[in-house]
PDB file of all heavy atoms in Angstrom:
ATOM      1  N   PRO A   1     -13.526  43.835-100.625  1.00  0.00           N
ATOM      2  CA  PRO A   1     -12.122  43.755-100.830  1.00  0.00           C
ATOM      3  C   PRO A   1     -11.358  42.889 -99.803  1.00  0.00           C
ATOM      4  O   PRO A   1     -10.165  42.528 -99.934  1.00  0.00           O
ATOM      5  CB  PRO A   1     -11.663  45.229-100.685  1.00  0.00           C
ATOM      6  CG  PRO A   1     -12.751  45.906 -99.931  1.00  0.00           C
ATOM      7  CD  PRO A   1     -13.993  45.149-100.349  1.00  0.00           C
ATOM      8  N   LYS A   2     -12.010  42.529 -98.660  1.00  0.00           N
ATOM      9  CA  LYS A   2     -11.388  41.734 -97.677  1.00  0.00           C
ATOM     10  C   LYS A   2     -11.310  40.266 -98.001  1.00  0.00           C
ATOM     11  O   LYS A   2     -10.545  39.531 -97.367  1.00  0.00           O
ATOM     12  CB  LYS A   2     -12.095  41.895 -96.337  1.00  0.00           C
ATOM     13  CG  LYS A   2     -11.994  43.326 -95.760  1.00  0.00           C
ATOM     14  CD  LYS A   2     -12.750  43.454 -94.523  1.00  0.00           C
ATOM     15  CE  LYS A   2     -12.704  44.859 -93.903  1.00  0.00           C
ATOM     16  NZ  LYS A   2     -13.357  45.001 -92.638  1.00  0.00           N
ATOM     17  N   LEU A   3     -12.017  39.869 -99.006  1.00  0.00           N
ATOM     18  CA  LEU A   3     -12.062  38.466 -99.333  1.00  0.00           C
ATOM     19  C   LEU A   3     -11.006  38.141-100.427  1.00  0.00           C
ATOM     20  O   LEU A   3     -11.328  37.925-101.579  1.00  0.00           O
ATOM     21  CB  LEU A   3     -13.502  38.064 -99.839  1.00  0.00           C
ATOM     22  CG  LEU A   3     -14.634  38.477 -98.884  1.00  0.00           C
ATOM     23  CD1 LEU A   3     -15.975  38.046 -99.498  1.00  0.00           C
ATOM     24  CD2 LEU A   3     -14.405  37.808 -97.537  1.00  0.00           C
ATOM     25  N   ILE A   4      -9.767  38.010 -99.956  1.00  0.00           N
ATOM     26  CA  ILE A   4      -8.745  37.691-100.883  1.00  0.00           C
ATOM     27  C   ILE A   4      -8.745  36.286-101.318  1.00  0.00           C
ATOM     28  O   ILE A   4      -9.323  35.431-100.596  1.00  0.00           O
ATOM     29  CB  ILE A   4      -7.354  38.074-100.251  1.00  0.00           C
ATOM     30  CG1 ILE A   4      -7.123  37.131 -99.065  1.00  0.00           C
ATOM     31  CG2 ILE A   4      -7.285  39.541 -99.811  1.00  0.00           C
ATOM     32  CD1 ILE A   4      -5.694  37.299 -98.446  1.00  0.00           C
ATOM     33  N   PRO A   5      -8.137  35.933-102.461  1.00  0.00           N
ATOM     34  CA  PRO A   5      -8.129  34.518-102.884  1.00  0.00           C
ATOM     35  C   PRO A   5      -7.623  33.615-101.829  1.00  0.00           C
ATOM     36  O   PRO A   5      -6.595  33.926-101.112  1.00  0.00           O
ATOM     37  CB  PRO A   5      -7.251  34.570-104.125  1.00  0.00           C
ATOM     38  CG  PRO A   5      -7.433  35.911-104.696  1.00  0.00           C
ATOM     39  CD  PRO A   5      -7.592  36.771-103.474  1.00  0.00           C
ATOM     40  N   GLY A   6      -8.238  32.474-101.573  1.00  0.00           N
ATOM     41  CA  GLY A   6      -7.863  31.545-100.560  1.00  0.00           C
ATOM     42  C   GLY A   6      -8.751  31.630 -99.320  1.00  0.00           C
ATOM     43  O   GLY A   6      -8.812  30.634 -98.558  1.00  0.00           O
ATOM     44  N   THR A   7      -9.468  32.721 -99.193  1.00  0.00           N
ATOM     45  CA  THR A   7     -10.395  32.869 -98.084  1.00  0.00           C
ATOM     46  C   THR A   7     -11.493  31.863 -98.155  1.00  0.00           C
ATOM     47  O   THR A   7     -12.062  31.512 -99.205  1.00  0.00           O
ATOM     48  CB  THR A   7     -11.044  34.289 -98.042  1.00  0.00           C
ATOM     49  OG1 THR A   7     -10.013  35.273 -98.024  1.00  0.00           O
ATOM     50  CG2 THR A   7     -11.984  34.455 -96.873  1.00  0.00           C
ATOM     51  N   VAL A   8     -11.803  31.214 -97.020  1.00  0.00           N
ATOM     52  CA  VAL A   8     -12.826  30.225 -96.930  1.00  0.00           C
ATOM     53  C   VAL A   8     -14.021  30.854 -96.233  1.00  0.00           C
ATOM     54  O   VAL A   8     -13.900  31.473 -95.204  1.00  0.00           O
ATOM     55  CB  VAL A   8     -12.377  28.929 -96.141  1.00  0.00           C
ATOM     56  CG1 VAL A   8     -13.463  27.945 -95.913  1.00  0.00           C
ATOM     57  CG2 VAL A   8     -11.146  28.277 -96.873  1.00  0.00           C
ATOM     58  N   ILE A   9     -15.233  30.574 -96.825  1.00  0.00           N
ATOM     59  CA  ILE A   9     -16.425  31.172 -96.293  1.00  0.00           C
ATOM     60  C   ILE A   9     -17.408  30.098 -95.980  1.00  0.00           C
ATOM     61  O   ILE A   9     -17.688  29.229 -96.812  1.00  0.00           O
ATOM     62  CB  ILE A   9     -17.050  32.222 -97.231  1.00  0.00           C
ATOM     63  CG1 ILE A   9     -16.009  33.334 -97.492  1.00  0.00           C
ATOM     64  CG2 ILE A   9     -18.336  32.804 -96.623  1.00  0.00           C
ATOM     65  CD1 ILE A   9     -16.486  34.313 -98.521  1.00  0.00           C
ATOM     66  N   ALA A  10     -18.003  30.143 -94.763  1.00  0.00           N
ATOM     67  CA  ALA A  10     -19.120  29.236 -94.398  1.00  0.00           C
ATOM     68  C   ALA A  10     -20.440  30.021 -94.596  1.00  0.00           C
ATOM     69  O   ALA A  10     -20.700  30.925 -93.830  1.00  0.00           O
ATOM     70  CB  ALA A  10     -18.936  28.779 -92.960  1.00  0.00           C
ATOM     71  N   MET A  11     -21.145  29.666 -95.661  1.00  0.00           N
ATOM     72  CA  MET A  11     -22.352  30.447 -96.018  1.00  0.00           C
ATOM     73  C   MET A  11     -23.550  29.703 -95.458  1.00  0.00           C
ATOM     74  O   MET A  11     -23.631  28.452 -95.398  1.00  0.00           O
ATOM     75  CB  MET A  11     -22.466  30.521 -97.561  1.00  0.00           C
ATOM     76  CG  MET A  11     -21.298  31.174 -98.212  1.00  0.00           C
ATOM     77  SD  MET A  11     -21.657  31.730 -99.923  1.00  0.00           S
ATOM     78  CE  MET A  11     -22.092  30.261-100.743  1.00  0.00           C
ATOM     79  N   ARG A  12     -24.492  30.472 -95.048  1.00  0.00           N
ATOM     80  CA  ARG A  12     -25.680  29.913 -94.394  1.00  0.00           C
ATOM     81  C   ARG A  12     -26.898  30.848 -94.641  1.00  0.00           C
ATOM     82  O   ARG A  12     -26.763  31.935 -95.219  1.00  0.00           O
ATOM     83  CB  ARG A  12     -25.491  29.767 -92.919  1.00  0.00           C
ATOM     84  CG  ARG A  12     -25.436  31.094 -92.153  1.00  0.00           C
ATOM     85  CD  ARG A  12     -25.141  30.849 -90.678  1.00  0.00           C
ATOM     86  NE  ARG A  12     -25.371  32.163 -89.955  1.00  0.00           N
ATOM     87  CZ  ARG A  12     -24.580  33.187 -89.988  1.00  0.00           C
ATOM     88  NH1 ARG A  12     -23.409  33.146 -90.738  1.00  0.00           N
ATOM     89  NH2 ARG A  12     -24.837  34.276 -89.345  1.00  0.00           N
ATOM     90  N   SER A  13     -28.060  30.384 -94.206  1.00  0.00           N
ATOM     91  CA  SER A  13     -29.257  31.199 -94.270  1.00  0.00           C
ATOM     92  C   SER A  13     -29.629  31.682 -92.783  1.00  0.00           C
ATOM     93  O   SER A  13     -28.786  31.466 -91.883  1.00  0.00           O
ATOM     94  CB  SER A  13     -30.443  30.411 -94.793  1.00  0.00           C
ATOM     95  OG  SER A  13     -30.887  29.498 -93.823  1.00  0.00           O
ATOM     96  N   TRP A  14     -30.775  32.261 -92.607  1.00  0.00           N
ATOM     97  CA  TRP A  14     -31.174  32.661 -91.289  1.00  0.00           C
ATOM     98  C   TRP A  14     -32.218  31.652 -90.759  1.00  0.00           C
ATOM     99  O   TRP A  14     -32.823  31.938 -89.671  1.00  0.00           O
ATOM    100  CB  TRP A  14     -31.793  34.103 -91.392  1.00  0.00           C
ATOM    101  CG  TRP A  14     -30.737  35.081 -91.688  1.00  0.00           C
ATOM    102  CD1 TRP A  14     -30.614  35.735 -92.908  1.00  0.00           C
ATOM    103  CD2 TRP A  14     -29.688  35.560 -90.877  1.00  0.00           C
ATOM    104  NE1 TRP A  14     -29.558  36.611 -92.848  1.00  0.00           N
ATOM    105  CE2 TRP A  14     -28.943  36.534 -91.660  1.00  0.00           C
ATOM    106  CE3 TRP A  14     -29.286  35.296 -89.596  1.00  0.00           C
ATOM    107  CZ2 TRP A  14     -27.862  37.239 -91.147  1.00  0.00           C
ATOM    108  CZ3 TRP A  14     -28.161  35.939 -89.097  1.00  0.00           C
ATOM    109  CH2 TRP A  14     -27.453  36.926 -89.856  1.00  0.00           C
ATOM    110  N   TYR A  15     -32.483  30.585 -91.386  1.00  0.00           N
ATOM    111  CA  TYR A  15     -33.418  29.584 -90.865  1.00  0.00           C
ATOM    112  C   TYR A  15     -32.911  29.020 -89.520  1.00  0.00           C
ATOM    113  O   TYR A  15     -31.722  28.792 -89.410  1.00  0.00           O
ATOM    114  CB  TYR A  15     -33.675  28.486 -91.851  1.00  0.00           C
ATOM    115  CG  TYR A  15     -34.316  28.942 -93.125  1.00  0.00           C
ATOM    116  CD1 TYR A  15     -33.724  28.691 -94.384  1.00  0.00           C
ATOM    117  CD2 TYR A  15     -35.488  29.656 -93.123  1.00  0.00           C
ATOM    118  CE1 TYR A  15     -34.295  29.090 -95.546  1.00  0.00           C
ATOM    119  CE2 TYR A  15     -36.107  30.055 -94.307  1.00  0.00           C
ATOM    120  CZ  TYR A  15     -35.490  29.836 -95.472  1.00  0.00           C
ATOM    121  OH  TYR A  15     -36.091  30.195 -96.655  1.00  0.00           O
ATOM    122  N   ARG A  16     -33.794  28.650 -88.581  1.00  0.00           N
ATOM    123  CA  ARG A  16     -33.404  28.022 -87.424  1.00  0.00           C
ATOM    124  C   ARG A  16     -34.521  27.105 -86.978  1.00  0.00           C
ATOM    125  O   ARG A  16     -35.235  27.326 -85.971  1.00  0.00           O
ATOM    126  CB  ARG A  16     -33.064  29.015 -86.313  1.00  0.00           C
ATOM    127  CG  ARG A  16     -34.065  30.140 -86.076  1.00  0.00           C
ATOM    128  CD  ARG A  16     -33.605  31.080 -85.019  1.00  0.00           C
ATOM    129  NE  ARG A  16     -32.446  31.872 -85.456  1.00  0.00           N
ATOM    130  CZ  ARG A  16     -31.716  32.615 -84.620  1.00  0.00           C
ATOM    131  NH1 ARG A  16     -31.978  32.655 -83.393  1.00  0.00           N
ATOM    132  NH2 ARG A  16     -30.672  33.290 -85.151  1.00  0.00           N
ATOM    133  N   PRO A  17     -34.700  26.032 -87.729  1.00  0.00           N
ATOM    134  CA  PRO A  17     -35.864  25.109 -87.496  1.00  0.00           C
ATOM    135  C   PRO A  17     -35.643  24.232 -86.244  1.00  0.00           C
ATOM    136  O   PRO A  17     -36.691  23.914 -85.557  1.00  0.00           O
ATOM    137  CB  PRO A  17     -35.912  24.255 -88.729  1.00  0.00           C
ATOM    138  CG  PRO A  17     -34.518  24.252 -89.235  1.00  0.00           C
ATOM    139  CD  PRO A  17     -33.942  25.622 -88.915  1.00  0.00           C
ATOM    140  N   ASN A  18     -34.449  23.797 -85.967  1.00  0.00           N
ATOM    141  CA  ASN A  18     -34.273  22.748 -84.881  1.00  0.00           C
ATOM    142  C   ASN A  18     -33.025  22.992 -84.073  1.00  0.00           C
ATOM    143  O   ASN A  18     -31.935  23.207 -84.593  1.00  0.00           O
ATOM    144  CB  ASN A  18     -34.205  21.404 -85.533  1.00  0.00           C
ATOM    145  CG  ASN A  18     -35.354  21.021 -86.328  1.00  0.00           C
ATOM    146  OD1 ASN A  18     -36.470  21.041 -85.854  1.00  0.00           O
ATOM    147  ND2 ASN A  18     -35.148  20.634 -87.625  1.00  0.00           N
ATOM    148  N   PRO A  19     -33.155  22.797 -82.796  1.00  0.00           N
ATOM    149  CA  PRO A  19     -31.895  22.717 -81.962  1.00  0.00           C
ATOM    150  C   PRO A  19     -31.368  21.311 -82.043  1.00  0.00           C
ATOM    151  O   PRO A  19     -31.953  20.467 -82.757  1.00  0.00           O
ATOM    152  CB  PRO A  19     -32.409  22.986 -80.514  1.00  0.00           C
ATOM    153  CG  PRO A  19     -33.819  22.403 -80.549  1.00  0.00           C
ATOM    154  CD  PRO A  19     -34.331  22.739 -81.958  1.00  0.00           C
ATOM    155  N   GLY A  20     -30.290  20.982 -81.361  1.00  0.00           N
ATOM    156  CA  GLY A  20     -29.770  19.672 -81.343  1.00  0.00           C
ATOM    157  C   GLY A  20     -30.570  18.694 -80.486  1.00  0.00           C
ATOM    158  O   GLY A  20     -30.852  17.599 -80.776  1.00  0.00           O
ATOM    159  N   ILE A  21     -30.989  19.264 -79.353  1.00  0.00           N
ATOM    160  CA  ILE A  21     -31.758  18.483 -78.342  1.00  0.00           C
ATOM    161  C   ILE A  21     -32.788  19.460 -77.721  1.00  0.00           C
ATOM    162  O   ILE A  21     -32.466  20.599 -77.357  1.00  0.00           O
ATOM    163  CB  ILE A  21     -30.912  17.870 -77.226  1.00  0.00           C
ATOM    164  CG1 ILE A  21     -29.853  16.913 -77.789  1.00  0.00           C
ATOM    165  CG2 ILE A  21     -31.738  17.153 -76.174  1.00  0.00           C
ATOM    166  CD1 ILE A  21     -28.878  16.510 -76.739  1.00  0.00           C
ATOM    167  N   PHE A  22     -34.073  19.041 -77.685  1.00  0.00           N
ATOM    168  CA  PHE A  22     -35.089  19.917 -77.122  1.00  0.00           C
ATOM    169  C   PHE A  22     -35.576  19.189 -75.841  1.00  0.00           C
ATOM    170  O   PHE A  22     -36.107  18.084 -75.817  1.00  0.00           O
ATOM    171  CB  PHE A  22     -36.211  20.011 -78.057  1.00  0.00           C
ATOM    172  CG  PHE A  22     -37.403  20.830 -77.583  1.00  0.00           C
ATOM    173  CD1 PHE A  22     -37.231  22.009 -76.927  1.00  0.00           C
ATOM    174  CD2 PHE A  22     -38.726  20.437 -77.834  1.00  0.00           C
ATOM    175  CE1 PHE A  22     -38.284  22.717 -76.448  1.00  0.00           C
ATOM    176  CE2 PHE A  22     -39.803  21.154 -77.401  1.00  0.00           C
ATOM    177  CZ  PHE A  22     -39.622  22.332 -76.685  1.00  0.00           C
ATOM    178  N   VAL A  23     -35.461  19.858 -74.683  1.00  0.00           N
ATOM    179  CA  VAL A  23     -35.906  19.435 -73.379  1.00  0.00           C
ATOM    180  C   VAL A  23     -37.024  20.300 -72.962  1.00  0.00           C
ATOM    181  O   VAL A  23     -36.933  21.552 -72.902  1.00  0.00           O
ATOM    182  CB  VAL A  23     -34.764  19.418 -72.347  1.00  0.00           C
ATOM    183  CG1 VAL A  23     -35.298  18.851 -71.057  1.00  0.00           C
ATOM    184  CG2 VAL A  23     -33.621  18.638 -72.865  1.00  0.00           C
ATOM    185  N   HIS A  24     -38.174  19.668 -72.497  1.00  0.00           N
ATOM    186  CA  HIS A  24     -39.325  20.512 -72.118  1.00  0.00           C
ATOM    187  C   HIS A  24     -40.113  19.792 -71.025  1.00  0.00           C
ATOM    188  O   HIS A  24     -40.380  18.580 -71.105  1.00  0.00           O
ATOM    189  CB  HIS A  24     -40.217  20.729 -73.333  1.00  0.00           C
ATOM    190  CG  HIS A  24     -41.487  21.560 -73.041  1.00  0.00           C
ATOM    191  ND1 HIS A  24     -41.353  22.849 -72.582  1.00  0.00           N
ATOM    192  CD2 HIS A  24     -42.747  21.320 -73.217  1.00  0.00           C
ATOM    193  CE1 HIS A  24     -42.622  23.348 -72.426  1.00  0.00           C
ATOM    194  NE2 HIS A  24     -43.491  22.396 -72.866  1.00  0.00           N
ATOM    195  N   LYS A  25     -40.372  20.499 -69.941  1.00  0.00           N
ATOM    196  CA  LYS A  25     -41.220  20.004 -68.841  1.00  0.00           C
ATOM    197  C   LYS A  25     -40.677  18.715 -68.271  1.00  0.00           C
ATOM    198  O   LYS A  25     -41.386  17.778 -68.128  1.00  0.00           O
ATOM    199  CB  LYS A  25     -42.642  19.867 -69.265  1.00  0.00           C
ATOM    200  CG  LYS A  25     -43.385  21.216 -69.443  1.00  0.00           C
ATOM    201  CD  LYS A  25     -44.864  21.002 -69.687  1.00  0.00           C
ATOM    202  CE  LYS A  25     -45.593  22.294 -69.796  1.00  0.00           C
ATOM    203  NZ  LYS A  25     -47.061  22.159 -70.025  1.00  0.00           N
ATOM    204  N   GLY A  26     -39.342  18.722 -68.067  1.00  0.00           N
ATOM    205  CA  GLY A  26     -38.726  17.503 -67.498  1.00  0.00           C
ATOM    206  C   GLY A  26     -38.240  17.784 -66.092  1.00  0.00           C
ATOM    207  O   GLY A  26     -38.071  18.928 -65.613  1.00  0.00           O
ATOM    208  N   LYS A  27     -37.998  16.660 -65.302  1.00  0.00           N
ATOM    209  CA  LYS A  27     -37.398  16.785 -63.971  1.00  0.00           C
ATOM    210  C   LYS A  27     -36.322  15.716 -63.855  1.00  0.00           C
ATOM    211  O   LYS A  27     -36.484  14.589 -64.238  1.00  0.00           O
ATOM    212  CB  LYS A  27     -38.431  16.521 -62.936  1.00  0.00           C
ATOM    213  CG  LYS A  27     -37.983  16.690 -61.496  1.00  0.00           C
ATOM    214  CD  LYS A  27     -39.074  16.546 -60.476  1.00  0.00           C
ATOM    215  CE  LYS A  27     -38.530  16.677 -59.024  1.00  0.00           C
ATOM    216  NZ  LYS A  27     -39.591  16.510 -58.020  1.00  0.00           N
ATOM    217  N   ASP A  28     -35.186  16.149 -63.317  1.00  0.00           N
ATOM    218  CA  ASP A  28     -34.033  15.255 -63.184  1.00  0.00           C
ATOM    219  C   ASP A  28     -33.593  14.682 -64.534  1.00  0.00           C
ATOM    220  O   ASP A  28     -33.476  13.477 -64.713  1.00  0.00           O
ATOM    221  CB  ASP A  28     -34.318  14.157 -62.221  1.00  0.00           C
ATOM    222  CG  ASP A  28     -34.619  14.625 -60.760  1.00  0.00           C
ATOM    223  OD1 ASP A  28     -34.009  15.616 -60.430  1.00  0.00           O
ATOM    224  OD2 ASP A  28     -35.420  14.007 -60.110  1.00  0.00           O
ATOM    225  N   ILE A  29     -33.421  15.633 -65.484  1.00  0.00           N
ATOM    226  CA  ILE A  29     -32.873  15.229 -66.814  1.00  0.00           C
ATOM    227  C   ILE A  29     -31.388  15.475 -66.857  1.00  0.00           C
ATOM    228  O   ILE A  29     -30.871  16.543 -66.521  1.00  0.00           O
ATOM    229  CB  ILE A  29     -33.536  16.121 -67.918  1.00  0.00           C
ATOM    230  CG1 ILE A  29     -35.091  16.063 -67.728  1.00  0.00           C
ATOM    231  CG2 ILE A  29     -33.134  15.671 -69.281  1.00  0.00           C
ATOM    232  CD1 ILE A  29     -35.670  14.711 -67.839  1.00  0.00           C
ATOM    233  N   ARG A  30     -30.638  14.434 -67.341  1.00  0.00           N
ATOM    234  CA  ARG A  30     -29.214  14.550 -67.371  1.00  0.00           C
ATOM    235  C   ARG A  30     -28.681  14.322 -68.773  1.00  0.00           C
ATOM    236  O   ARG A  30     -29.084  13.347 -69.445  1.00  0.00           O
ATOM    237  CB  ARG A  30     -28.615  13.519 -66.407  1.00  0.00           C
ATOM    238  CG  ARG A  30     -29.006  13.625 -65.015  1.00  0.00           C
ATOM    239  CD  ARG A  30     -28.536  12.448 -64.168  1.00  0.00           C
ATOM    240  NE  ARG A  30     -28.994  12.547 -62.776  1.00  0.00           N
ATOM    241  CZ  ARG A  30     -30.227  12.127 -62.332  1.00  0.00           C
ATOM    242  NH1 ARG A  30     -31.075  11.596 -63.254  1.00  0.00           N
ATOM    243  NH2 ARG A  30     -30.561  12.311 -61.114  1.00  0.00           N
ATOM    244  N   LEU A  31     -27.739  15.140 -69.164  1.00  0.00           N
ATOM    245  CA  LEU A  31     -27.018  15.002 -70.493  1.00  0.00           C
ATOM    246  C   LEU A  31     -25.591  14.796 -70.109  1.00  0.00           C
ATOM    247  O   LEU A  31     -24.927  15.722 -69.569  1.00  0.00           O
ATOM    248  CB  LEU A  31     -27.217  16.188 -71.353  1.00  0.00           C
ATOM    249  CG  LEU A  31     -28.662  16.633 -71.726  1.00  0.00           C
ATOM    250  CD1 LEU A  31     -28.633  17.804 -72.618  1.00  0.00           C
ATOM    251  CD2 LEU A  31     -29.455  15.509 -72.263  1.00  0.00           C
ATOM    252  N   GLU A  32     -25.028  13.632 -70.352  1.00  0.00           N
ATOM    253  CA  GLU A  32     -23.690  13.320 -69.941  1.00  0.00           C
ATOM    254  C   GLU A  32     -22.848  12.907 -71.119  1.00  0.00           C
ATOM    255  O   GLU A  32     -23.264  11.937 -71.835  1.00  0.00           O
ATOM    256  CB  GLU A  32     -23.664  12.176 -68.868  1.00  0.00           C
ATOM    257  CG  GLU A  32     -24.475  12.519 -67.633  1.00  0.00           C
ATOM    258  CD  GLU A  32     -24.538  11.280 -66.700  1.00  0.00           C
ATOM    259  OE1 GLU A  32     -23.960  10.209 -66.959  1.00  0.00           O
ATOM    260  OE2 GLU A  32     -25.232  11.424 -65.677  1.00  0.00           O
ATOM    261  N   ASN A  33     -21.741  13.595 -71.336  1.00  0.00           N
ATOM    262  CA  ASN A  33     -20.846  13.261 -72.471  1.00  0.00           C
ATOM    263  C   ASN A  33     -21.618  13.247 -73.823  1.00  0.00           C
ATOM    264  O   ASN A  33     -21.457  12.244 -74.577  1.00  0.00           O
ATOM    265  CB  ASN A  33     -20.219  11.893 -72.285  1.00  0.00           C
ATOM    266  CG  ASN A  33     -19.064  11.618 -73.188  1.00  0.00           C
ATOM    267  OD1 ASN A  33     -18.359  12.615 -73.644  1.00  0.00           O
ATOM    268  ND2 ASN A  33     -18.757  10.378 -73.507  1.00  0.00           N
ATOM    269  N   VAL A  34     -22.344  14.290 -74.019  1.00  0.00           N
ATOM    270  CA  VAL A  34     -23.144  14.414 -75.268  1.00  0.00           C
ATOM    271  C   VAL A  34     -22.599  15.569 -76.088  1.00  0.00           C
ATOM    272  O   VAL A  34     -22.430  16.720 -75.575  1.00  0.00           O
ATOM    273  CB  VAL A  34     -24.664  14.679 -75.006  1.00  0.00           C
ATOM    274  CG1 VAL A  34     -25.445  14.942 -76.306  1.00  0.00           C
ATOM    275  CG2 VAL A  34     -25.285  13.488 -74.296  1.00  0.00           C
ATOM    276  N   THR A  35     -22.195  15.324 -77.328  1.00  0.00           N
ATOM    277  CA  THR A  35     -21.636  16.324 -78.184  1.00  0.00           C
ATOM    278  C   THR A  35     -22.497  16.581 -79.420  1.00  0.00           C
ATOM    279  O   THR A  35     -22.896  15.689 -80.070  1.00  0.00           O
ATOM    280  CB  THR A  35     -20.229  15.928 -78.714  1.00  0.00           C
ATOM    281  OG1 THR A  35     -19.368  15.704 -77.560  1.00  0.00           O
ATOM    282  CG2 THR A  35     -19.616  16.991 -79.571  1.00  0.00           C
ATOM    283  N   VAL A  36     -22.894  17.850 -79.583  1.00  0.00           N
ATOM    284  CA  VAL A  36     -23.684  18.211 -80.763  1.00  0.00           C
ATOM    285  C   VAL A  36     -22.763  18.980 -81.654  1.00  0.00           C
ATOM    286  O   VAL A  36     -22.399  20.097 -81.407  1.00  0.00           O
ATOM    287  CB  VAL A  36     -24.953  19.092 -80.375  1.00  0.00           C
ATOM    288  CG1 VAL A  36     -25.665  19.483 -81.655  1.00  0.00           C
ATOM    289  CG2 VAL A  36     -25.821  18.367 -79.402  1.00  0.00           C
ATOM    290  N   HIS A  37     -22.308  18.315 -82.786  1.00  0.00           N
ATOM    291  CA  HIS A  37     -21.367  18.998 -83.713  1.00  0.00           C
ATOM    292  C   HIS A  37     -22.156  20.047 -84.563  1.00  0.00           C
ATOM    293  O   HIS A  37     -21.565  21.078 -84.939  1.00  0.00           O
ATOM    294  CB  HIS A  37     -20.755  17.990 -84.573  1.00  0.00           C
ATOM    295  CG  HIS A  37     -19.769  17.055 -83.881  1.00  0.00           C
ATOM    296  ND1 HIS A  37     -18.537  17.473 -83.490  1.00  0.00           N
ATOM    297  CD2 HIS A  37     -19.900  15.718 -83.493  1.00  0.00           C
ATOM    298  CE1 HIS A  37     -17.885  16.488 -82.857  1.00  0.00           C
ATOM    299  NE2 HIS A  37     -18.724  15.493 -82.880  1.00  0.00           N
TER     300      HIS A  37
END
């Protein structure tokens, strides 16, 4: 009943295959002005 006409829904699944950036076993790694939308 809470979903009145006009309500916008972002539907998704539970999958999570990938991050935006994967960093592993690094030293002195810098991310500067990086945006993951």
